[in-house]
Structure formats: C-alpha cells, structure tokens
PDB file of N, CA and C in Angstrom:
ATOM      1  N   MET A   1      46.947  62.072 184.878  1.00  0.00           N
ATOM      2  CA  MET A   1      48.001  62.273 185.668  1.00  0.00           C
ATOM      3  C   MET A   1      48.254  60.709 186.186  1.00  0.00           C
ATOM      4  N   ARG A   2      49.273  60.501 186.694  1.00  0.00           N
ATOM      5  CA  ARG A   2      49.699  59.313 187.042  1.00  0.00           C
ATOM      6  C   ARG A   2      49.687  59.091 188.777  1.00  0.00           C
ATOM      7  N   HIS A   3      48.952  59.737 189.315  1.00  0.00           N
ATOM      8  CA  HIS A   3      48.947  59.694 190.866  1.00  0.00           C
ATOM      9  C   HIS A   3      48.449  58.172 191.314  1.00  0.00           C
ATOM     10  N   ALA A   4      49.068  57.837 192.209  1.00  0.00           N
ATOM     11  CA  ALA A   4      48.897  56.525 192.852  1.00  0.00           C
ATOM     12  C   ALA A   4      48.813  55.361 191.951  1.00  0.00           C
ATOM     13  N   LYS A   5      49.864  55.389 190.907  1.00  0.00           N
ATOM     14  CA  LYS A   5      50.074  54.359 189.981  1.00  0.00           C
ATOM     15  C   LYS A   5      51.396  53.636 190.224  1.00  0.00           C
ATOM     16  N   LYS A   6      52.129  53.791 191.286  1.00  0.00           N
ATOM     17  CA  LYS A   6      53.285  53.195 191.507  1.00  0.00           C
ATOM     18  C   LYS A   6      52.991  51.863 192.074  1.00  0.00           C
ATOM     19  N   LEU A   7      54.019  50.923 191.603  1.00  0.00           N
ATOM     20  CA  LEU A   7      53.700  49.352 191.923  1.00  0.00           C
ATOM     21  C   LEU A   7      54.911  48.752 192.748  1.00  0.00           C
ATOM     22  N   LYS A   8      54.791  47.780 193.417  1.00  0.00           N
ATOM     23  CA  LYS A   8      55.710  47.193 194.039  1.00  0.00           C
ATOM     24  C   LYS A   8      56.808  46.544 193.113  1.00  0.00           C
ATOM     25  N   LYS A   9      58.157  46.737 193.268  1.00  0.00           N
ATOM     26  CA  LYS A   9      59.179  46.172 192.441  1.00  0.00           C
ATOM     27  C   LYS A   9      59.606  44.740 192.824  1.00  0.00           C
ATOM     28  N   LEU A  10      59.125  44.207 194.021  1.00  0.00           N
ATOM     29  CA  LEU A  10      59.264  42.843 194.532  1.00  0.00           C
ATOM     30  C   LEU A  10      60.987  42.404 194.353  1.00  0.00           C
ATOM     31  N   SER A  11      61.573  43.323 194.421  1.00  0.00           N
ATOM     32  CA  SER A  11      63.400  43.169 194.288  1.00  0.00           C
ATOM     33  C   SER A  11      63.577  42.292 192.946  1.00  0.00           C
ATOM     34  N   LYS A  12      62.900  42.383 192.061  1.00  0.00           N
ATOM     35  CA  LYS A  12      63.201  41.871 190.712  1.00  0.00           C
ATOM     36  C   LYS A  12      63.473  42.894 189.651  1.00  0.00           C
ATOM     37  N   PRO A  13      64.112  42.350 188.499  1.00  0.00           N
ATOM     38  CA  PRO A  13      63.946  43.288 187.267  1.00  0.00           C
ATOM     39  C   PRO A  13      62.563  43.100 186.491  1.00  0.00           C
ATOM     40  N   THR A  14      62.281  44.058 185.775  1.00  0.00           N
ATOM     41  CA  THR A  14      60.848  43.967 185.119  1.00  0.00           C
ATOM     42  C   THR A  14      60.439  42.806 184.709  1.00  0.00           C
ATOM     43  N   ASP A  15      61.448  42.094 183.686  1.00  0.00           N
ATOM     44  CA  ASP A  15      60.797  40.992 183.191  1.00  0.00           C
ATOM     45  C   ASP A  15      60.577  39.683 183.905  1.00  0.00           C
ATOM     46  N   GLN A  16      61.326  39.747 185.153  1.00  0.00           N
ATOM     47  CA  GLN A  16      61.358  38.511 186.134  1.00  0.00           C
ATOM     48  C   GLN A  16      60.178  38.874 186.918  1.00  0.00           C
ATOM     49  N   ARG A  17      59.856  40.113 187.178  1.00  0.00           N
ATOM     50  CA  ARG A  17      58.677  40.381 187.974  1.00  0.00           C
ATOM     51  C   ARG A  17      57.361  40.158 187.372  1.00  0.00           C
ATOM     52  N   ILE A  18      57.446  40.513 186.003  1.00  0.00           N
ATOM     53  CA  ILE A  18      56.205  40.234 184.979  1.00  0.00           C
ATOM     54  C   ILE A  18      55.970  38.772 185.015  1.00  0.00           C
ATOM     55  N   ALA A  19      56.983  37.892 184.845  1.00  0.00           N
ATOM     56  CA  ALA A  19      56.771  36.583 184.712  1.00  0.00           C
ATOM     57  C   ALA A  19      56.356  35.869 186.097  1.00  0.00           C
ATOM     58  N   LEU A  20      56.813  36.496 187.193  1.00  0.00           N
ATOM     59  CA  LEU A  20      56.527  35.874 188.533  1.00  0.00           C
ATOM     60  C   LEU A  20      54.865  36.207 188.724  1.00  0.00           C
ATOM     61  N   LEU A  21      54.495  37.467 188.526  1.00  0.00           N
ATOM     62  CA  LEU A  21      53.209  37.866 188.698  1.00  0.00           C
ATOM     63  C   LEU A  21      52.139  37.137 187.716  1.00  0.00           C
ATOM     64  N   ARG A  22      52.661  36.629 186.284  1.00  0.00           N
ATOM     65  CA  ARG A  22      51.814  36.118 185.685  1.00  0.00           C
ATOM     66  C   ARG A  22      51.675  34.602 185.922  1.00  0.00           C
ATOM     67  N   SER A  23      52.718  34.096 186.442  1.00  0.00           N
ATOM     68  CA  SER A  23      52.643  32.560 186.967  1.00  0.00           C
ATOM     69  C   SER A  23      51.912  32.514 188.231  1.00  0.00           C
ATOM     70  N   LEU A  24      51.784  33.435 189.094  1.00  0.00           N
ATOM     71  CA  LEU A  24      50.903  33.469 190.208  1.00  0.00           C
ATOM     72  C   LEU A  24      49.709  33.703 189.805  1.00  0.00           C
ATOM     73  N   ALA A  25      49.200  34.423 189.103  1.00  0.00           N
ATOM     74  CA  ALA A  25      47.947  34.793 188.444  1.00  0.00           C
ATOM     75  C   ALA A  25      47.383  33.386 187.960  1.00  0.00           C
ATOM     76  N   PHE A  26      48.325  32.874 186.998  1.00  0.00           N
ATOM     77  CA  PHE A  26      47.886  31.502 186.334  1.00  0.00           C
ATOM     78  C   PHE A  26      47.442  30.436 187.495  1.00  0.00           C
ATOM     79  N   SER A  27      48.391  30.372 188.508  1.00  0.00           N
ATOM     80  CA  SER A  27      48.083  29.378 189.523  1.00  0.00           C
ATOM     81  C   SER A  27      46.952  29.688 190.269  1.00  0.00           C
ATOM     82  N   LEU A  28      46.560  30.954 190.629  1.00  0.00           N
ATOM     83  CA  LEU A  28      45.432  31.224 191.317  1.00  0.00           C
ATOM     84  C   LEU A  28      44.231  30.996 190.423  1.00  0.00           C
ATOM     85  N   ILE A  29      44.213  31.169 189.266  1.00  0.00           N
ATOM     86  CA  ILE A  29      42.998  30.918 188.447  1.00  0.00           C
ATOM     87  C   ILE A  29      42.923  29.354 188.174  1.00  0.00           C
ATOM     88  N   MET A  30      43.749  28.609 188.083  1.00  0.00           N
ATOM     89  CA  MET A  30      43.806  27.078 188.039  1.00  0.00           C
ATOM     90  C   MET A  30      43.405  26.566 189.251  1.00  0.00           C
ATOM     91  N   ASN A  31      43.865  26.959 190.371  1.00  0.00           N
ATOM     92  CA  ASN A  31      43.710  26.228 191.761  1.00  0.00           C
ATOM     93  C   ASN A  31      42.579  26.883 192.489  1.00  0.00           C
ATOM     94  N   GLY A  32      42.352  28.216 192.366  1.00  0.00           N
ATOM     95  CA  GLY A  32      41.326  28.806 193.305  1.00  0.00           C
ATOM     96  C   GLY A  32      42.021  29.424 194.456  1.00  0.00           C
ATOM     97  N   LYS A  33      43.128  29.011 195.003  1.00  0.00           N
ATOM     98  CA  LYS A  33      44.003  29.523 196.063  1.00  0.00           C
ATOM     99  C   LYS A  33      45.396  29.267 196.120  1.00  0.00           C
ATOM    100  N   ILE A  34      46.286  30.171 196.509  1.00  0.00           N
ATOM    101  CA  ILE A  34      47.582  29.820 196.513  1.00  0.00           C
ATOM    102  C   ILE A  34      48.197  30.465 197.904  1.00  0.00           C
ATOM    103  N   LYS A  35      49.486  29.938 198.353  1.00  0.00           N
ATOM    104  CA  LYS A  35      50.237  30.469 199.315  1.00  0.00           C
ATOM    105  C   LYS A  35      51.229  31.300 199.015  1.00  0.00           C
ATOM    106  N   THR A  36      51.397  32.448 199.363  1.00  0.00           N
ATOM    107  CA  THR A  36      52.558  33.340 198.935  1.00  0.00           C
ATOM    108  C   THR A  36      52.574  34.627 200.076  1.00  0.00           C
ATOM    109  N   SER A  37      53.616  35.341 199.837  1.00  0.00           N
ATOM    110  CA  SER A  37      53.964  36.347 200.851  1.00  0.00           C
ATOM    111  C   SER A  37      52.713  37.528 200.552  1.00  0.00           C
ATOM    112  N   ARG A  38      52.776  38.513 201.498  1.00  0.00           N
ATOM    113  CA  ARG A  38      51.671  39.385 201.538  1.00  0.00           C
ATOM    114  C   ARG A  38      52.042  40.327 200.465  1.00  0.00           C
ATOM    115  N   THR A  39      53.148  40.762 200.140  1.00  0.00           N
ATOM    116  CA  THR A  39      53.337  41.700 199.023  1.00  0.00           C
ATOM    117  C   THR A  39      53.096  41.105 197.736  1.00  0.00           C
ATOM    118  N   ARG A  40      53.532  39.951 197.459  1.00  0.00           N
ATOM    119  CA  ARG A  40      53.082  39.187 196.127  1.00  0.00           C
ATOM    120  C   ARG A  40      51.742  39.065 195.915  1.00  0.00           C
ATOM    121  N   ALA A  41      51.073  38.818 197.005  1.00  0.00           N
ATOM    122  CA  ALA A  41      49.481  38.499 197.144  1.00  0.00           C
ATOM    123  C   ALA A  41      48.895  39.859 196.698  1.00  0.00           C
ATOM    124  N   LYS A  42      49.367  40.914 197.106  1.00  0.00           N
ATOM    125  CA  LYS A  42      48.555  42.281 196.911  1.00  0.00           C
ATOM    126  C   LYS A  42      48.949  42.736 195.375  1.00  0.00           C
ATOM    127  N   ALA A  43      50.003  42.303 194.907  1.00  0.00           N
ATOM    128  CA  ALA A  43      50.397  42.484 193.558  1.00  0.00           C
ATOM    129  C   ALA A  43      49.458  41.648 192.661  1.00  0.00           C
ATOM    130  N   VAL A  44      49.472  40.438 192.940  1.00  0.00           N
ATOM    131  CA  VAL A  44      48.585  39.647 192.147  1.00  0.00           C
ATOM    132  C   VAL A  44      47.220  39.957 192.043  1.00  0.00           C
ATOM    133  N   ARG A  45      46.743  40.404 193.138  1.00  0.00           N
ATOM    134  CA  ARG A  45      45.344  40.979 193.533  1.00  0.00           C
ATOM    135  C   ARG A  45      44.833  41.919 192.209  1.00  0.00           C
ATOM    136  N   LYS A  46      45.831  42.775 192.116  1.00  0.00           N
ATOM    137  CA  LYS A  46      45.460  43.863 191.031  1.00  0.00           C
ATOM    138  C   LYS A  46      45.363  43.252 189.626  1.00  0.00           C
ATOM    139  N   ILE A  47      46.271  42.273 189.489  1.00  0.00           N
ATOM    140  CA  ILE A  47      45.907  41.583 187.980  1.00  0.00           C
ATOM    141  C   ILE A  47      44.645  40.945 187.884  1.00  0.00           C
ATOM    142  N   ILE A  48      44.403  40.158 188.998  1.00  0.00           N
ATOM    143  CA  ILE A  48      43.220  39.245 188.889  1.00  0.00           C
ATOM    144  C   ILE A  48      41.890  40.213 188.890  1.00  0.00           C
ATOM    145  N   GLU A  49      41.949  40.994 189.510  1.00  0.00           N
ATOM    146  CA  GLU A  49      40.637  42.082 189.594  1.00  0.00           C
ATOM    147  C   GLU A  49      40.532  42.634 188.348  1.00  0.00           C
ATOM    148  N   LYS A  50      41.655  42.887 187.533  1.00  0.00           N
ATOM    149  CA  LYS A  50      41.420  43.556 186.329  1.00  0.00           C
ATOM    150  C   LYS A  50      41.213  42.595 185.268  1.00  0.00           C
ATOM    151  N   ILE A  51      41.266  41.152 185.375  1.00  0.00           N
ATOM    152  CA  ILE A  51      40.939  40.339 184.535  1.00  0.00           C
ATOM    153  C   ILE A  51      39.547  40.265 184.673  1.00  0.00           C
ATOM    154  N   VAL A  52      39.195  40.125 186.129  1.00  0.00           N
ATOM    155  CA  VAL A  52      37.560  39.789 186.134  1.00  0.00           C
ATOM    156  C   VAL A  52      36.896  40.863 185.710  1.00  0.00           C
ATOM    157  N   ALA A  53      37.308  42.270 185.753  1.00  0.00           N
ATOM    158  CA  ALA A  53      36.566  43.388 185.417  1.00  0.00           C
ATOM    159  C   ALA A  53      36.573  43.142 183.640  1.00  0.00           C
ATOM    160  N   LEU A  54      37.651  42.835 183.132  1.00  0.00           N
ATOM    161  CA  LEU A  54      37.451  42.580 181.720  1.00  0.00           C
ATOM    162  C   LEU A  54      36.664  41.446 181.230  1.00  0.00           C
ATOM    163  N   SER A  55      36.456  40.237 181.991  1.00  0.00           N
ATOM    164  CA  SER A  55      35.445  39.243 181.801  1.00  0.00           C
ATOM    165  C   SER A  55      34.042  39.661 181.802  1.00  0.00           C
ATOM    166  N   LYS A  56      33.816  40.696 182.662  1.00  0.00           N
ATOM    167  CA  LYS A  56      32.403  41.118 182.786  1.00  0.00           C
ATOM    168  C   LYS A  56      32.038  41.913 181.636  1.00  0.00           C
ATOM    169  N   LYS A  57      32.871  42.487 180.846  1.00  0.00           N
ATOM    170  CA  LYS A  57      32.692  43.264 179.673  1.00  0.00           C
ATOM    171  C   LYS A  57      31.979  41.947 178.547  1.00  0.00           C
ATOM    172  N   GLY A  58      32.735  40.946 178.603  1.00  0.00           N
ATOM    173  CA  GLY A  58      32.404  40.035 177.730  1.00  0.00           C
ATOM    174  C   GLY A  58      32.649  39.999 176.161  1.00  0.00           C
ATOM    175  N   ASN A  59      33.086  41.146 175.795  1.00  0.00           N
ATOM    176  CA  ASN A  59      33.602  41.180 174.336  1.00  0.00           C
ATOM    177  C   ASN A  59      34.835  40.514 173.812  1.00  0.00           C
ATOM    178  N   ILE A  60      34.941  40.560 172.775  1.00  0.00           N
ATOM    179  CA  ILE A  60      36.296  39.950 172.075  1.00  0.00           C
ATOM    180  C   ILE A  60      37.592  40.773 172.432  1.00  0.00           C
ATOM    181  N   SER A  61      37.464  42.130 172.325  1.00  0.00           N
ATOM    182  CA  SER A  61      38.519  43.049 172.727  1.00  0.00           C
ATOM    183  C   SER A  61      38.896  42.911 174.003  1.00  0.00           C
ATOM    184  N   SER A  62      38.104  42.748 175.053  1.00  0.00           N
ATOM    185  CA  SER A  62      38.482  42.618 176.467  1.00  0.00           C
ATOM    186  C   SER A  62      39.009  41.335 176.690  1.00  0.00           C
ATOM    187  N   LEU A  63      38.744  40.131 175.982  1.00  0.00           N
ATOM    188  CA  LEU A  63      39.425  38.897 175.999  1.00  0.00           C
ATOM    189  C   LEU A  63      40.822  38.861 175.503  1.00  0.00           C
ATOM    190  N   ARG A  64      40.965  39.954 174.336  1.00  0.00           N
ATOM    191  CA  ARG A  64      42.372  39.838 173.723  1.00  0.00           C
ATOM    192  C   ARG A  64      43.069  40.773 174.814  1.00  0.00           C
ATOM    193  N   GLN A  65      42.642  41.690 175.584  1.00  0.00           N
ATOM    194  CA  GLN A  65      43.317  42.380 176.641  1.00  0.00           C
ATOM    195  C   GLN A  65      43.814  41.522 177.645  1.00  0.00           C
ATOM    196  N   ALA A  66      42.863  40.710 177.969  1.00  0.00           N
ATOM    197  CA  ALA A  66      43.290  39.781 179.158  1.00  0.00           C
ATOM    198  C   ALA A  66      44.268  38.894 178.914  1.00  0.00           C
ATOM    199  N   ILE A  67      44.222  38.346 177.492  1.00  0.00           N
ATOM    200  CA  ILE A  67      45.419  37.328 177.031  1.00  0.00           C
ATOM    201  C   ILE A  67      46.731  38.168 176.788  1.00  0.00           C
ATOM    202  N   LYS A  68      46.656  39.396 176.786  1.00  0.00           N
ATOM    203  CA  LYS A  68      47.776  40.378 176.789  1.00  0.00           C
ATOM    204  C   LYS A  68      48.537  40.242 178.453  1.00  0.00           C
ATOM    205  N   ILE A  69      47.398  40.318 179.323  1.00  0.00           N
ATOM    206  CA  ILE A  69      47.953  40.173 180.504  1.00  0.00           C
ATOM    207  C   ILE A  69      48.418  39.122 180.911  1.00  0.00           C
ATOM    208  N   LEU A  70      47.624  37.928 180.632  1.00  0.00           N
ATOM    209  CA  LEU A  70      47.935  36.313 181.157  1.00  0.00           C
ATOM    210  C   LEU A  70      47.914  35.759 179.884  1.00  0.00           C
ATOM    211  N   PRO A  71      48.997  35.470 179.243  1.00  0.00           N
ATOM    212  CA  PRO A  71      49.103  34.790 177.989  1.00  0.00           C
ATOM    213  C   PRO A  71      48.836  33.291 177.902  1.00  0.00           C
ATOM    214  N   HIS A  72      47.715  32.674 178.464  1.00  0.00           N
ATOM    215  CA  HIS A  72      47.380  31.413 178.303  1.00  0.00           C
ATOM    216  C   HIS A  72      45.940  31.486 177.759  1.00  0.00           C
ATOM    217  N   LYS A  73      45.766  31.322 176.530  1.00  0.00           N
ATOM    218  CA  LYS A  73      44.589  31.388 175.765  1.00  0.00           C
ATOM    219  C   LYS A  73      43.548  30.774 176.323  1.00  0.00           C
ATOM    220  N   LYS A  74      43.978  29.299 176.453  1.00  0.00           N
ATOM    221  CA  LYS A  74      42.738  28.397 176.875  1.00  0.00           C
ATOM    222  C   LYS A  74      42.268  28.726 178.469  1.00  0.00           C
ATOM    223  N   VAL A  75      43.028  29.101 179.194  1.00  0.00           N
ATOM    224  CA  VAL A  75      42.707  29.174 180.554  1.00  0.00           C
ATOM    225  C   VAL A  75      41.935  30.466 180.707  1.00  0.00           C
ATOM    226  N   VAL A  76      42.514  31.374 180.143  1.00  0.00           N
ATOM    227  CA  VAL A  76      41.727  32.998 180.011  1.00  0.00           C
ATOM    228  C   VAL A  76      40.297  32.674 179.560  1.00  0.00           C
ATOM    229  N   SER A  77      40.155  31.927 178.461  1.00  0.00           N
ATOM    230  CA  SER A  77      38.804  31.887 177.729  1.00  0.00           C
ATOM    231  C   SER A  77      37.953  31.068 178.535  1.00  0.00           C
ATOM    232  N   GLU A  78      38.373  30.029 179.319  1.00  0.00           N
ATOM    233  CA  GLU A  78      37.642  29.464 180.166  1.00  0.00           C
ATOM    234  C   GLU A  78      37.364  30.067 181.383  1.00  0.00           C
ATOM    235  N   PHE A  79      38.094  31.032 181.845  1.00  0.00           N
ATOM    236  CA  PHE A  79      37.719  31.872 182.915  1.00  0.00           C
ATOM    237  C   PHE A  79      36.662  32.945 182.503  1.00  0.00           C
ATOM    238  N   PHE A  80      36.845  33.442 181.213  1.00  0.00           N
ATOM    239  CA  PHE A  80      36.010  34.279 180.841  1.00  0.00           C
ATOM    240  C   PHE A  80      34.469  33.761 180.591  1.00  0.00           C
ATOM    241  N   LYS A  81      34.391  32.403 180.452  1.00  0.00           N
ATOM    242  CA  LYS A  81      33.045  31.543 180.496  1.00  0.00           C
ATOM    243  C   LYS A  81      32.363  31.598 181.781  1.00  0.00           C
ATOM    244  N   THR A  82      33.140  31.350 183.029  1.00  0.00           N
ATOM    245  CA  THR A  82      32.663  31.154 184.332  1.00  0.00           C
ATOM    246  C   THR A  82      32.639  32.373 185.150  1.00  0.00           C
ATOM    247  N   ALA A  83      33.636  33.346 184.969  1.00  0.00           N
ATOM    248  CA  ALA A  83      33.825  34.576 185.812  1.00  0.00           C
ATOM    249  C   ALA A  83      32.626  35.382 185.838  1.00  0.00           C
ATOM    250  N   PRO A  84      31.953  35.974 184.716  1.00  0.00           N
ATOM    251  CA  PRO A  84      31.009  36.836 184.705  1.00  0.00           C
ATOM    252  C   PRO A  84      29.658  36.428 185.570  1.00  0.00           C
ATOM    253  N   GLU A  85      29.363  35.127 185.617  1.00  0.00           N
ATOM    254  CA  GLU A  85      28.301  34.428 186.260  1.00  0.00           C
ATOM    255  C   GLU A  85      28.646  34.624 187.949  1.00  0.00           C
ATOM    256  N   ARG A  86      29.918  34.208 188.116  1.00  0.00           N
ATOM    257  CA  ARG A  86      30.436  34.131 189.471  1.00  0.00           C
ATOM    258  C   ARG A  86      30.386  35.563 190.396  1.00  0.00           C
ATOM    259  N   TYR A  87      30.951  36.342 189.443  1.00  0.00           N
ATOM    260  CA  TYR A  87      31.160  37.768 190.062  1.00  0.00           C
ATOM    261  C   TYR A  87      30.249  38.794 189.532  1.00  0.00           C
ATOM    262  N   LYS A  88      28.919  38.426 189.066  1.00  0.00           N
ATOM    263  CA  LYS A  88      28.033  39.560 188.436  1.00  0.00           C
ATOM    264  C   LYS A  88      27.770  40.508 189.638  1.00  0.00           C
ATOM    265  N   ASN A  89      27.415  40.392 190.700  1.00  0.00           N
ATOM    266  CA  ASN A  89      27.126  41.153 191.959  1.00  0.00           C
ATOM    267  C   ASN A  89      28.277  41.885 192.550  1.00  0.00           C
ATOM    268  N   ASN A  90      29.565  41.337 192.417  1.00  0.00           N
ATOM    269  CA  ASN A  90      30.691  41.944 193.047  1.00  0.00           C
ATOM    270  C   ASN A  90      31.299  43.124 192.105  1.00  0.00           C
ATOM    271  N   THR A  91      31.433  44.348 192.742  1.00  0.00           N
ATOM    272  CA  THR A  91      32.033  45.399 191.943  1.00  0.00           C
ATOM    273  C   THR A  91      33.627  45.466 192.134  1.00  0.00           C
ATOM    274  N   GLY A  92      33.978  44.733 193.042  1.00  0.00           N
ATOM    275  CA  GLY A  92      35.383  44.554 193.575  1.00  0.00           C
ATOM    276  C   GLY A  92      35.649  43.579 194.537  1.00  0.00           C
ATOM    277  N   GLY A  93      36.922  43.316 194.865  1.00  0.00           N
ATOM    278  CA  GLY A  93      37.146  42.362 195.855  1.00  0.00           C
ATOM    279  C   GLY A  93      36.923  40.977 195.707  1.00  0.00           C
ATOM    280  N   VAL A  94      37.290  40.644 194.488  1.00  0.00           N
ATOM    281  CA  VAL A  94      37.342  39.136 194.128  1.00  0.00           C
ATOM    282  C   VAL A  94      38.078  38.197 194.678  1.00  0.00           C
ATOM    283  N   CYS A  95      39.226  38.782 195.226  1.00  0.00           N
ATOM    284  CA  CYS A  95      40.354  38.014 196.072  1.00  0.00           C
ATOM    285  C   CYS A  95      40.295  38.240 197.617  1.00  0.00           C
ATOM    286  N   ARG A  96      40.557  37.204 198.261  1.00  0.00           N
ATOM    287  CA  ARG A  96      40.477  37.415 199.557  1.00  0.00           C
ATOM    288  C   ARG A  96      41.915  37.013 200.123  1.00  0.00           C
ATOM    289  N   ILE A  97      42.494  37.764 201.167  1.00  0.00           N
ATOM    290  CA  ILE A  97      43.733  37.459 201.800  1.00  0.00           C
ATOM    291  C   ILE A  97      43.549  37.004 203.060  1.00  0.00           C
ATOM    292  N   ILE A  98      44.169  35.929 203.399  1.00  0.00           N
ATOM    293  CA  ILE A  98      44.009  35.354 204.712  1.00  0.00           C
ATOM    294  C   ILE A  98      45.348  35.164 205.319  1.00  0.00           C
ATOM    295  N   ASN A  99      45.607  35.725 206.469  1.00  0.00           N
ATOM    296  CA  ASN A  99      46.861  35.611 207.111  1.00  0.00           C
ATOM    297  C   ASN A  99      47.258  34.014 207.594  1.00  0.00           C
ATOM    298  N   ILE A 100      48.390  33.714 207.405  1.00  0.00           N
ATOM    299  CA  ILE A 100      48.650  32.206 207.846  1.00  0.00           C
ATOM    300  C   ILE A 100      49.905  32.123 208.887  1.00  0.00           C
ATOM    301  N   GLY A 101      50.625  32.972 208.896  1.00  0.00           N
ATOM    302  CA  GLY A 101      51.682  33.151 209.690  1.00  0.00           C
ATOM    303  C   GLY A 101      52.915  33.846 209.085  1.00  0.00           C
ATOM    304  N   THR A 102      54.187  33.554 209.560  1.00  0.00           N
ATOM    305  CA  THR A 102      55.321  33.832 209.114  1.00  0.00           C
ATOM    306  C   THR A 102      56.068  32.769 208.590  1.00  0.00           C
ATOM    307  N   ARG A 103      57.076  33.116 207.574  1.00  0.00           N
ATOM    308  CA  ARG A 103      57.949  32.026 207.055  1.00  0.00           C
ATOM    309  C   ARG A 103      59.091  32.006 207.915  1.00  0.00           C
ATOM    310  N   ARG A 104      59.749  30.865 208.154  1.00  0.00           N
ATOM    311  CA  ARG A 104      60.600  30.498 209.148  1.00  0.00           C
ATOM    312  C   ARG A 104      61.942  31.156 208.849  1.00  0.00           C
ATOM    313  N   GLY A 105      62.290  31.211 207.498  1.00  0.00           N
ATOM    314  CA  GLY A 105      63.850  31.782 207.100  1.00  0.00           C
ATOM    315  C   GLY A 105      63.916  33.167 207.144  1.00  0.00           C
ATOM    316  N   ASP A 106      62.891  33.935 206.633  1.00  0.00           N
ATOM    317  CA  ASP A 106      63.183  35.462 206.835  1.00  0.00           C
ATOM    318  C   ASP A 106      62.080  36.198 207.413  1.00  0.00           C
ATOM    319  N   ASN A 107      61.223  35.432 208.077  1.00  0.00           N
ATOM    320  CA  ASN A 107      59.923  35.877 208.887  1.00  0.00           C
ATOM    321  C   ASN A 107      59.090  36.791 208.019  1.00  0.00           C
ATOM    322  N   ALA A 108      59.148  36.398 206.822  1.00  0.00           N
ATOM    323  CA  ALA A 108      58.000  37.106 206.008  1.00  0.00           C
ATOM    324  C   ALA A 108      56.823  36.694 206.332  1.00  0.00           C
ATOM    325  N   ASP A 109      55.754  37.619 206.038  1.00  0.00           N
ATOM    326  CA  ASP A 109      54.173  37.128 206.237  1.00  0.00           C
ATOM    327  C   ASP A 109      53.811  36.334 205.143  1.00  0.00           C
ATOM    328  N   ILE A 110      53.250  35.313 205.385  1.00  0.00           N
ATOM    329  CA  ILE A 110      52.630  34.287 204.565  1.00  0.00           C
ATOM    330  C   ILE A 110      51.238  34.254 204.724  1.00  0.00           C
ATOM    331  N   VAL A 111      50.664  34.565 203.367  1.00  0.00           N
ATOM    332  CA  VAL A 111      49.039  34.525 203.376  1.00  0.00           C
ATOM    333  C   VAL A 111      48.594  33.552 202.470  1.00  0.00           C
ATOM    334  N   LEU A 112      47.350  33.302 202.530  1.00  0.00           N
ATOM    335  CA  LEU A 112      46.423  32.507 201.613  1.00  0.00           C
ATOM    336  C   LEU A 112      45.709  33.398 200.628  1.00  0.00           C
ATOM    337  N   LEU A 113      45.913  33.384 199.414  1.00  0.00           N
ATOM    338  CA  LEU A 113      45.233  34.251 198.633  1.00  0.00           C
ATOM    339  C   LEU A 113      44.291  33.325 197.760  1.00  0.00           C
ATOM    340  N   GLU A 114      42.883  33.595 197.805  1.00  0.00           N
ATOM    341  CA  GLU A 114      41.781  32.821 197.195  1.00  0.00           C
ATOM    342  C   GLU A 114      41.021  33.513 196.557  1.00  0.00           C
ATOM    343  N   LEU A 115      40.470  33.232 195.600  1.00  0.00           N
ATOM    344  CA  LEU A 115      39.082  33.588 194.753  1.00  0.00           C
ATOM    345  C   LEU A 115      37.851  33.662 195.514  1.00  0.00           C
ATOM    346  N   VAL A 116      37.089  34.630 195.746  1.00  0.00           N
ATOM    347  CA  VAL A 116      35.726  34.657 196.390  1.00  0.00           C
ATOM    348  C   VAL A 116      34.805  34.403 195.662  1.00  0.00           C
ATOM    349  N   GLY A 117      33.880  33.499 196.119  1.00  0.00           N
ATOM    350  CA  GLY A 117      32.583  32.999 195.109  1.00  0.00           C
ATOM    351  C   GLY A 117      32.632  31.668 194.605  1.00  0.00           C
TER     352      GLY A 117
END
C-alpha cells in the first residue's frame, strides 16, 4: 500500500524538482550545512536519511542505490566511508533543522539544515 507516500511538489515539474533536491543534498553532504526554505529542507532530509541508511549497510549494492539517488560517485563513496562511523548510534534524525527567520521578499521561513554528528 502507498499510504503516506505523498511528497511535496515544490511548485516544479518532476525533472526540475529532482535536480533541485539532488543539488541541495550534494551541497549538504559537501558543506555540512545549508540555508534553504523549510519545505525544501524537509524534502532534502528524506533523501539524506535514505543515503545514510544505505551507507550503514556498507555493501556494494547499497552504494549503487545511493549513486542512483545522488549521482556523484566520488562524493557518495567518500560519504560511505565516513557516515557509518559517524551515525552508528543514530537510528534516524541525522539532519537538524534550525529556524533562522523569514525571507524578505516572500516571507518564506528560512532554516539552517545541518548534518548532526
């Protein structure tokens, strides 16, 4: 059953939405934290937690699945080397969302999304 599988559309077509979420996930893995809107942060958090769960398995098939989600082989393989040690005690909640304020133009909530640990 597909209960509770609905995702936010972010007012974008599918290809643009996937590209946006991949680039935000890439930036989060590279920098450790990013500033973005609350809705985008919640959407990226799902992707990052899935990649961390795959990295805990540590086998080649999970690496290939993660590269399918985030197609940057070098970055994903480096993340797979460090993530299992960093998040071995965490069963979830590897991203932290901190409120910053609102954006001046459209009054959207701006948050700081960062990796815990």
